[in-house]
Protein backbone atom coordinates (compact mmCIF):
# COMPACT_ATOMS: atom_id res chain seq x y z
CA MET A 1 39.79 35.10 91.62
CA HIS A 2 36.80 35.72 93.89
CA HIS A 3 35.70 32.09 93.97
CA LEU A 4 38.94 30.52 95.26
CA ALA A 5 40.44 33.59 96.93
CA LEU A 6 37.46 35.06 98.78
CA ASN A 7 34.23 33.04 98.63
CA LEU A 8 35.51 29.60 99.63
CA PRO A 9 37.85 30.84 102.39
CA ASP A 10 35.04 33.00 103.78
CA ILE A 11 32.67 30.01 104.06
CA MET A 12 35.18 27.60 105.57
CA VAL A 13 36.79 30.07 108.00
CA LYS A 14 33.37 31.09 109.32
CA LEU A 15 32.59 27.41 109.89
CA PHE A 16 35.90 26.90 111.72
CA ARG A 17 35.16 29.98 113.84
CA GLY A 18 31.60 28.93 114.55
CA SER A 19 30.42 32.32 113.27
CA PHE A 20 28.42 30.98 110.32
CA GLU A 21 24.72 31.83 110.42
CA ARG A 22 22.79 29.36 112.57
CA LYS A 23 19.13 28.44 112.50
CA LYS A 24 17.24 26.85 115.36
CA PRO A 25 17.43 24.21 116.70
CA ASP A 26 21.03 23.86 115.44
CA LYS A 27 23.70 24.81 118.01
CA VAL A 28 27.37 25.63 117.52
CA GLU A 29 28.22 23.17 120.31
CA GLN A 30 27.15 20.45 117.89
CA TRP A 31 29.74 21.54 115.31
CA PRO A 32 32.93 19.45 115.70
CA TRP A 33 34.66 21.63 113.11
CA ALA A 34 34.22 24.92 115.08
CA VAL A 35 37.73 24.72 116.57
CA PHE A 36 38.14 28.52 116.77
CA HIS A 37 34.77 29.15 118.41
CA PRO A 38 35.11 31.09 121.68
CA ILE A 39 34.05 29.16 124.76
CA ASP A 40 34.93 31.52 127.60
CA ASP A 41 36.85 34.01 125.46
CA ASP A 42 38.13 34.40 121.90
CA SER A 43 41.66 33.26 122.74
CA ALA A 44 41.73 30.39 120.21
CA TRP A 45 41.04 32.73 117.27
CA ILE A 46 43.33 35.45 118.61
CA ASN A 47 46.19 32.97 119.13
CA HIS A 48 45.67 31.63 115.62
CA SER A 49 45.71 35.15 114.16
CA GLU A 50 48.95 35.99 115.95
CA ALA A 51 50.49 32.77 114.63
CA VAL A 52 49.41 33.77 111.11
CA ALA A 53 51.14 37.14 111.48
CA ASP A 54 54.32 35.43 112.73
CA MET A 55 54.37 33.17 109.65
CA ARG A 56 54.89 36.12 107.32
CA PHE A 57 58.63 36.03 108.02
CA TYR A 58 58.81 32.56 106.45
CA ILE A 59 57.00 33.57 103.25
CA PRO A 60 59.42 34.87 100.58
CA ARG A 61 58.90 38.38 99.29
CA SER A 62 58.46 37.01 95.76
CA PHE A 63 55.23 35.33 96.94
CA GLY A 64 53.59 38.74 97.19
CA LYS A 65 51.41 39.92 100.05
CA ALA A 66 51.91 37.79 103.16
CA PRO A 67 48.90 37.49 105.48
CA ARG A 68 48.73 39.82 108.46
CA ASN A 69 46.93 39.31 111.77
CA ILE A 70 43.58 38.16 110.43
CA ALA A 71 41.66 38.99 113.62
CA ALA A 72 42.82 42.61 113.46
CA LYS A 73 42.81 43.11 109.67
CA MET A 74 39.96 40.93 108.37
CA ASN A 75 37.63 43.90 107.81
CA SER A 76 40.27 46.52 107.04
CA GLY A 77 41.91 45.78 103.73
CA PHE A 78 42.77 42.08 104.04
CA LYS A 79 43.70 41.42 100.41
CA ALA A 80 42.82 38.46 98.18
CA TRP A 81 46.41 37.17 98.23
CA GLU A 82 46.37 37.31 102.02
CA HIS A 83 43.17 35.25 102.12
CA MET A 84 44.69 32.70 99.76
CA TYR A 85 47.97 32.32 101.64
CA HIS A 86 46.13 32.14 104.95
CA PHE A 87 43.64 29.53 103.78
CA TYR A 88 45.78 27.37 101.48
CA MET A 89 49.24 27.68 103.04
CA VAL A 90 49.19 28.73 106.72
CA LEU A 91 45.90 27.19 107.89
CA PRO A 92 46.79 23.54 107.05
CA GLY A 93 49.68 23.64 109.51
CA GLN A 94 47.53 25.32 112.14
CA LEU A 95 44.67 22.82 111.83
CA TRP A 96 46.87 19.71 111.81
CA GLY A 97 45.89 17.75 114.90
CA VAL A 98 43.27 20.37 115.86
CA LEU A 99 40.52 19.19 113.52
CA ASN A 100 39.72 15.51 113.84
CA ASP A 101 41.31 13.26 111.21
CA GLU A 102 38.23 12.94 109.01
CA LEU A 103 37.53 16.69 108.90
CA PHE A 104 41.19 17.52 108.33
CA GLU A 105 41.51 15.10 105.41
CA HIS A 106 38.31 16.58 103.98
CA TYR A 107 39.80 20.08 104.21
CA CYS A 108 43.05 18.88 102.58
CA LYS A 109 41.10 17.60 99.58
CA LEU A 110 39.87 21.14 98.98
CA VAL A 111 43.34 22.66 99.35
CA ALA A 112 44.97 20.11 97.04
CA GLY A 113 42.26 20.37 94.39
CA CYS A 114 42.36 24.18 94.35
CA HIS A 115 46.16 24.11 94.18
CA PHE A 116 45.91 22.16 90.91
CA ALA A 117 43.22 24.50 89.57
CA LEU A 118 45.45 27.54 90.15
CA MET A 119 48.24 26.21 87.93
CA LEU A 120 49.07 27.97 84.69
CA GLU A 121 49.03 24.61 82.92
CA THR A 122 47.41 21.73 84.79
CA PRO A 123 49.07 18.53 83.49
CA VAL A 124 46.59 16.22 81.80
CA ALA A 125 47.57 13.40 84.15
CA LEU A 126 46.62 15.57 87.16
CA ARG A 127 43.23 16.78 85.96
CA LEU A 128 41.43 13.57 86.85
CA LEU A 129 43.03 13.54 90.31
CA ALA A 130 42.14 17.21 90.91
CA HIS A 131 38.54 16.67 89.79
CA LYS A 132 38.25 13.57 91.98
CA LEU A 133 39.47 15.46 95.06
CA LEU A 134 37.07 18.36 94.53
CA VAL A 135 34.06 16.12 93.85
CA GLU A 136 34.84 14.11 96.98
CA PHE A 137 35.10 17.35 98.95
CA VAL A 138 31.64 18.47 97.80
CA GLU A 139 30.07 15.08 98.51
CA ASP A 140 31.68 14.84 101.93
CA PHE A 141 30.76 18.45 102.71
CA GLU A 142 27.11 17.51 102.45
CA ARG A 143 27.69 14.49 104.68
CA LEU A 144 29.94 16.09 107.32
CA TYR A 145 28.62 19.68 107.50
CA TYR A 146 25.14 19.83 106.02
CA ALA A 147 24.34 16.28 107.22
CA ARG A 148 20.92 16.48 105.50
CA GLN A 149 19.60 18.71 108.27
CA LEU A 150 17.06 21.28 107.17
CA ASP A 151 18.45 23.85 109.61
CA ARG A 152 21.85 23.55 107.85
CA LEU A 153 20.62 23.76 104.27
CA HIS A 154 22.08 27.27 103.98
CA PHE A 155 25.58 25.76 104.35
CA CYS A 156 25.36 24.55 100.73
CA ARG A 157 26.37 27.74 98.93
CA HIS A 158 26.94 28.14 95.19
CA SER A 159 30.69 28.37 95.78
CA ILE A 160 30.71 24.83 97.13
CA HIS A 161 28.76 23.41 94.19
CA LEU A 162 30.92 25.23 91.62
CA LEU A 163 33.92 23.14 92.67
CA VAL A 164 32.40 20.20 90.79
CA HIS A 165 32.69 22.19 87.53
CA LEU A 166 36.07 23.81 88.19
CA ILE A 167 38.35 21.32 86.42
CA PRO A 168 35.96 20.36 83.55
CA GLU A 169 35.44 24.05 82.77
CA GLY A 170 39.19 24.54 82.93
CA VAL A 171 39.56 21.87 80.25
CA ARG A 172 36.81 23.45 78.14
CA ARG A 173 37.77 27.11 78.48
CA GLY A 174 41.35 27.02 79.69
CA PRO A 175 42.95 27.73 83.07
CA LEU A 176 41.51 30.35 85.40
CA TRP A 177 44.03 33.05 84.57
CA LEU A 178 42.82 33.15 80.94
CA PHE A 179 39.34 34.42 81.79
CA SER A 180 39.83 36.06 85.19
CA GLN A 181 39.98 39.81 85.73
CA TRP A 182 43.52 40.82 86.64
CA GLU A 183 44.68 44.35 87.21
CA ALA A 184 47.50 44.05 84.64
CA ALA A 185 45.23 42.95 81.78
CA LEU A 186 46.22 45.96 79.65
CA TYR A 187 49.92 45.12 79.97
CA VAL A 188 49.22 41.51 78.99
CA MET A 189 47.43 42.61 75.81
CA PHE A 190 50.00 45.31 75.01
CA PRO A 191 53.37 44.31 76.53
CA VAL A 192 55.07 47.32 74.92
CA LEU A 193 53.29 49.55 77.46
CA ALA A 194 55.13 47.91 80.35
CA LYS A 195 58.39 49.52 81.32
CA PRO A 196 61.12 46.87 81.14
CA GLU A 197 62.69 46.08 84.47
CA GLY A 198 66.43 46.50 84.17
CA LEU A 199 68.97 44.53 86.12
CA PRO A 200 71.50 46.09 88.47
CA LYS A 201 74.65 47.26 86.72
CA ASP A 202 76.77 44.52 88.32
CA ALA A 203 74.43 41.67 87.34
CA VAL A 204 75.94 38.70 85.51
CA VAL A 205 73.78 36.93 82.93
CA LEU A 206 74.32 33.16 82.94
CA GLY A 207 72.01 32.09 80.12
CA ASP A 208 68.84 29.98 80.02
CA ASP A 209 67.05 32.92 81.70
CA TYR A 210 69.15 32.53 84.84
CA GLY A 211 71.05 35.45 86.25
CA ARG A 212 73.37 36.22 89.09
CA VAL A 213 72.59 39.50 90.76
CA LEU A 214 75.77 40.24 92.57
CA ALA A 215 76.27 40.66 96.29
CA SER A 216 79.79 40.28 97.54
CA ALA A 217 80.66 38.62 100.83
CA PRO A 218 83.94 37.85 102.60
CA ARG A 219 86.09 35.03 101.27
CA GLY A 220 85.26 31.73 102.96
CA ARG A 221 87.33 28.60 103.65
CA HIS A 222 84.59 26.22 104.73
CA GLU A 223 82.56 23.44 103.12
CA ARG A 224 85.76 22.02 101.57
CA ALA A 225 84.55 18.42 101.76
CA ALA A 226 81.27 19.21 99.97
CA LEU A 227 83.07 20.92 97.09
CA LEU A 228 85.65 18.13 96.79
CA SER A 229 82.83 15.60 96.58
CA PHE A 230 81.22 17.61 93.77
CA LEU A 231 84.51 17.93 91.86
CA HIS A 232 85.31 14.23 92.13
CA ALA A 233 81.79 13.35 90.95
CA HIS A 234 82.42 15.43 87.80
CA ASP A 235 85.91 13.97 87.14
CA VAL A 236 87.67 17.24 87.94
CA ALA A 237 91.33 16.92 88.85
CA VAL A 238 92.11 18.42 92.26
CA PRO A 239 95.80 19.17 93.02
CA GLU A 240 97.19 17.72 96.22
CA GLY A 241 97.14 20.23 99.05
CA TRP A 242 94.48 22.33 97.32
CA GLU A 243 92.84 24.89 99.63
CA LEU A 244 89.32 26.21 99.22
CA GLY A 245 88.93 29.94 98.72
CA LEU A 246 85.60 31.32 97.56
CA TRP A 247 83.98 34.64 96.81
CA LYS A 248 80.36 34.29 97.85
CA TRP A 249 77.48 35.61 95.79
CA ALA A 250 74.22 36.41 97.52
CA ARG A 251 71.36 36.49 95.01
CA LEU A 252 70.17 34.49 92.04
CA GLN A 253 67.36 35.43 89.66
CA LEU A 254 65.46 32.40 88.34
CA PRO A 255 63.72 32.04 84.96
CA ASN A 256 60.31 32.38 86.65
CA GLY A 257 61.26 35.86 87.92
CA GLN A 258 61.83 34.85 91.54
CA ILE A 259 64.98 35.92 93.34
CA THR A 260 66.80 33.47 95.59
CA ARG A 261 68.87 34.90 98.41
CA MET A 262 71.48 33.25 100.57
CA ALA A 263 71.31 32.33 104.24
CA PHE A 264 74.64 34.10 104.80
CA GLY A 265 73.02 37.53 104.40
CA GLU A 266 69.68 36.68 106.00
CA CYS A 267 71.30 35.27 109.14
CA LYS A 268 73.33 38.47 109.57
CA ARG A 269 70.15 40.54 109.50
CA GLU A 270 68.39 38.18 111.91
CA ALA A 271 71.30 38.55 114.33
CA ARG A 272 70.60 42.30 114.35
CA ASN A 273 66.87 41.64 114.99
CA VAL A 274 65.99 43.04 111.56
CA PRO A 275 62.78 41.41 110.22
CA ILE A 276 63.22 39.58 106.92
CA ARG A 277 61.11 37.62 104.45
CA ARG A 278 63.01 34.37 103.95
CA ALA A 279 63.98 33.70 100.32
CA CYS A 280 66.85 31.23 100.71
CA MET A 281 64.72 28.06 100.67
CA VAL A 282 64.56 26.43 97.23
CA LYS A 283 63.34 23.43 95.30
CA ALA A 284 66.09 21.85 93.20
CA ARG A 285 66.64 18.93 90.88
CA GLY A 286 68.64 15.98 92.13
CA LEU A 287 68.96 12.64 90.37
CA HIS A 288 68.97 10.57 93.56
CA MET A 289 66.61 12.65 95.64
CA PHE A 290 62.94 12.22 96.57
CA GLY A 291 60.45 13.30 93.94
CA PRO A 292 57.82 16.04 93.96
CA PHE A 293 54.86 15.01 96.08
CA ILE A 294 52.57 16.75 93.67
CA LEU A 295 53.14 13.68 91.46
CA ILE A 296 52.97 11.09 94.21
CA HIS A 297 50.04 9.35 92.52
CA LEU A 298 51.86 9.17 89.18
CA ASN A 299 54.97 7.49 87.89
CA PRO A 300 57.99 9.44 89.21
CA PRO A 301 59.79 11.67 86.70
CA ALA A 302 63.36 11.03 85.60
CA ALA A 303 64.75 13.96 87.59
CA TRP A 304 63.69 14.06 91.23
CA ARG A 305 63.27 17.27 93.22
CA HIS A 306 64.45 18.06 96.72
CA PHE A 307 64.38 21.05 99.08
CA ALA A 308 67.34 22.91 100.50
CA GLU A 309 68.53 26.13 102.11
CA VAL A 310 70.99 28.12 100.00
CA LEU A 311 74.07 29.02 102.02
CA TYR A 312 75.66 31.00 99.18
CA PHE A 313 76.45 30.99 95.45
CA PHE A 314 79.92 30.99 93.92
CA ARG A 315 81.66 30.72 90.55
CA MET A 316 84.47 28.28 89.85
CA THR A 317 86.73 27.36 86.93
CA MET A 318 87.34 23.61 86.80
CA THR A 319 89.74 21.53 84.71
CA GLY A 320 88.09 18.34 83.52
CA ALA A 321 89.65 14.95 82.83
CA ASP A 322 90.11 16.00 79.19
CA GLY A 323 92.19 19.01 80.25
CA GLN A 324 89.55 21.56 79.19
CA ASP A 325 88.69 24.43 81.54
CA GLU A 326 85.04 25.09 82.32
CA THR A 327 83.59 27.91 84.42
CA ARG A 328 80.45 26.98 86.33
CA VAL A 329 78.26 28.78 88.83
CA LEU A 330 77.43 26.60 91.83
CA ALA A 331 75.44 26.78 95.05
CA MET A 332 76.39 25.52 98.50
CA VAL A 333 73.18 24.20 100.05
CA SER A 334 72.02 22.58 103.27
CA GLU A 335 69.46 19.90 102.45
CA PHE A 336 66.22 19.10 104.21
CA THR A 337 65.17 15.52 104.81
CA LEU A 338 62.85 13.77 102.41
CA PRO A 339 59.20 14.74 102.99
CA ASP A 340 57.42 12.32 105.28
CA PRO A 341 55.53 9.97 102.92
CA THR A 342 52.91 8.94 105.49
CA ILE A 343 51.86 12.50 106.33
CA ALA A 344 51.92 13.44 102.64
CA LYS A 345 49.64 10.55 101.73
CA ASP A 346 47.23 11.20 104.61
CA THR A 347 46.95 14.91 103.72
CA HIS A 348 46.82 14.48 99.93
CA ASN A 349 50.26 16.11 99.64
CA VAL A 350 49.16 19.31 101.37
CA LEU A 351 51.62 18.84 104.26
CA MET A 352 55.05 17.91 102.87
CA VAL A 353 56.85 17.69 106.21
CA CYS A 354 60.65 17.89 106.27
CA TYR A 355 63.34 18.27 108.93
CA SER A 356 66.19 20.72 108.67
CA GLN A 357 69.63 19.10 108.55
CA GLY A 358 71.68 22.14 109.46
CA ALA A 359 74.20 20.06 111.41
CA HIS A 360 74.83 17.75 108.44
CA PRO A 361 77.54 18.47 105.84
CA PRO A 362 76.35 20.76 103.02
CA ARG A 363 76.18 19.81 99.36
CA VAL A 364 77.19 21.55 96.13
CA VAL A 365 74.72 21.78 93.23
CA ASP A 366 74.69 23.59 89.91
CA VAL A 367 72.61 26.78 90.10
CA LYS A 368 70.64 25.72 87.02
CA ASP A 369 69.27 22.85 89.10
CA VAL A 370 67.45 25.42 91.25
CA VAL A 371 63.81 25.36 90.13
CA SER A 372 61.97 27.81 92.39
CA VAL A 373 61.89 29.59 95.73
CA VAL A 374 59.69 27.86 98.31
CA ALA A 375 58.40 28.67 101.77
CA MET A 376 59.50 26.38 104.60
CA MET A 377 56.81 26.91 107.22
CA PRO A 378 57.52 25.85 110.83
CA LEU A 379 55.24 23.06 112.00
CA GLY A 380 54.78 22.72 115.74
CA PRO A 381 53.62 19.65 117.65
CA ARG A 382 49.98 18.67 117.53
CA PRO A 383 47.99 19.34 120.72
CA CYS A 384 48.13 15.64 121.59
CA GLU A 385 51.94 15.76 121.38
CA ALA A 386 52.63 19.16 122.91
CA HIS A 387 53.09 17.85 126.45
CA GLU A 388 55.39 14.97 125.56
CA PRO A 389 58.83 15.31 127.22
CA ASP A 390 60.81 15.53 123.96
CA ALA A 391 58.20 17.39 121.85
CA GLU A 392 60.15 20.66 121.77
CA ARG A 393 63.33 18.92 120.60
CA ARG A 394 61.58 16.79 117.96
CA TYR A 395 59.75 19.74 116.44
CA ALA A 396 62.51 22.35 116.66
CA ASP A 397 63.50 21.79 113.00
CA HIS A 398 60.09 20.62 111.75
CA TYR A 399 58.86 22.35 108.56
CA TYR A 400 56.35 21.87 105.79
CA VAL A 401 56.86 23.05 102.22
CA TRP A 402 54.71 25.34 100.12
CA GLU A 403 55.35 26.81 96.70
CA LYS A 404 53.90 30.08 95.52
CA LEU A 405 50.29 29.54 94.46
CA GLY A 406 50.14 29.61 90.67
CA CYS A 407 53.80 30.56 90.60
CA ASP A 408 54.13 30.55 86.82
CA MET A 409 50.75 32.31 86.49
CA ALA A 410 51.52 35.06 88.99
CA TRP A 411 54.66 36.23 87.21
CA ILE A 412 53.18 36.66 83.72
CA GLY A 413 54.51 39.98 82.49
CA ARG A 414 56.39 40.80 85.67
CA GLY A 415 59.06 39.46 87.97
CA ASP A 416 60.59 40.05 91.35
CA ASN A 417 62.24 43.46 91.51
CA PRO A 418 65.99 42.85 91.12
CA ASN A 419 66.77 46.39 92.26
CA TYR A 420 65.12 45.85 95.64
CA GLU A 421 67.76 45.90 98.37
CA GLU A 422 66.82 43.86 101.41
CA GLU A 423 70.32 43.75 102.83
CA GLU A 424 72.09 46.90 103.91
CA GLU A 425 75.34 45.93 102.21
CA ASP A 426 75.83 46.19 98.44
CA GLU A 427 75.08 42.82 96.91
CA ASN A 428 76.19 40.98 93.80
CA TRP A 429 73.71 39.17 91.62
CA LEU A 430 73.50 36.14 89.36
CA ILE A 431 70.99 36.06 86.49
CA LEU A 432 70.35 32.54 85.27
């Protein structure tokens, strides 16, 4: 935990701030990576810290502790999870176009390699790639930062060198969570000590560890075309003159313990200026959609993944071509564009940049195609693009995707609290 959560971020952030210990004749003005170093004032670091605090509203509650203003809280209880989300999730978007291309790609190698190392089970096919990225980071660190200068020898800390052994030791001893010190170790050894988390009384269990945790909403008569397209694709007979009438459901509990909410409820709270932690952005399966960038260097899997915003959930009884009735729980979603392949390749899949398609027609998917809750982080224009006439328009719906670090690892023995009420109104749930 300390290596990837505290030691590495501490070294790199100090280098970016220009606050790392210096020895004569080395000067911070000679550090091209010190992008947050104060020249006349500390405005660059302060502005970055405020941007970090603003990002917390885009990080789902199931992710845990979102980073606060790092300039104000760095020395007053800034937790390990906050360091990790700041360094591995928020900082890549903030440094894009700020660091020069070579330094930014070097930083992305570290982020991508550590992301693999934090998995509960690192796929065998990814271990070689992860090790390659981390070894290249260490080698390039000596070339770009240390530069074989005696007055920079202290840059080469043990935490940097240990990255070379991270993946091989993971193969030899198992993933990090097996031999790290976690506060819930007693509950892991003796699960009977943990008090089981019950579901709300109105929850509906759907099977396969999915569940619908109910939250009623007014009957809607929209998205008719999207539902008709879904029904026709599944050979469901639709009577002529059929009218759409739905009862919306607001929350869905996933097998990994995360809870997906719907945009319908979150938008209502935003309209009242009530701060929220967005949890309506999801990763889902889709047979014709773009695949997970985490596997961009491998052969694509049979079932592709895509990203979408959940508008609401609903249940529907359909009559198939064989005359048999089937009740299914579905989700109305608004899809994002495919992640930009050029940016993904250049950043080693750290920045999966998508555009929101809110104005496009929605799509209906089965709720069991929802894989996980993700964070869609706003990505502004790079400094070189900020003054272009149409920059604001082009980047208004510009986002990059991040999943919870070690998502399957973090929820061992515990899940998102299904009894937590973020909306004021009573809500219905789906348990999948």
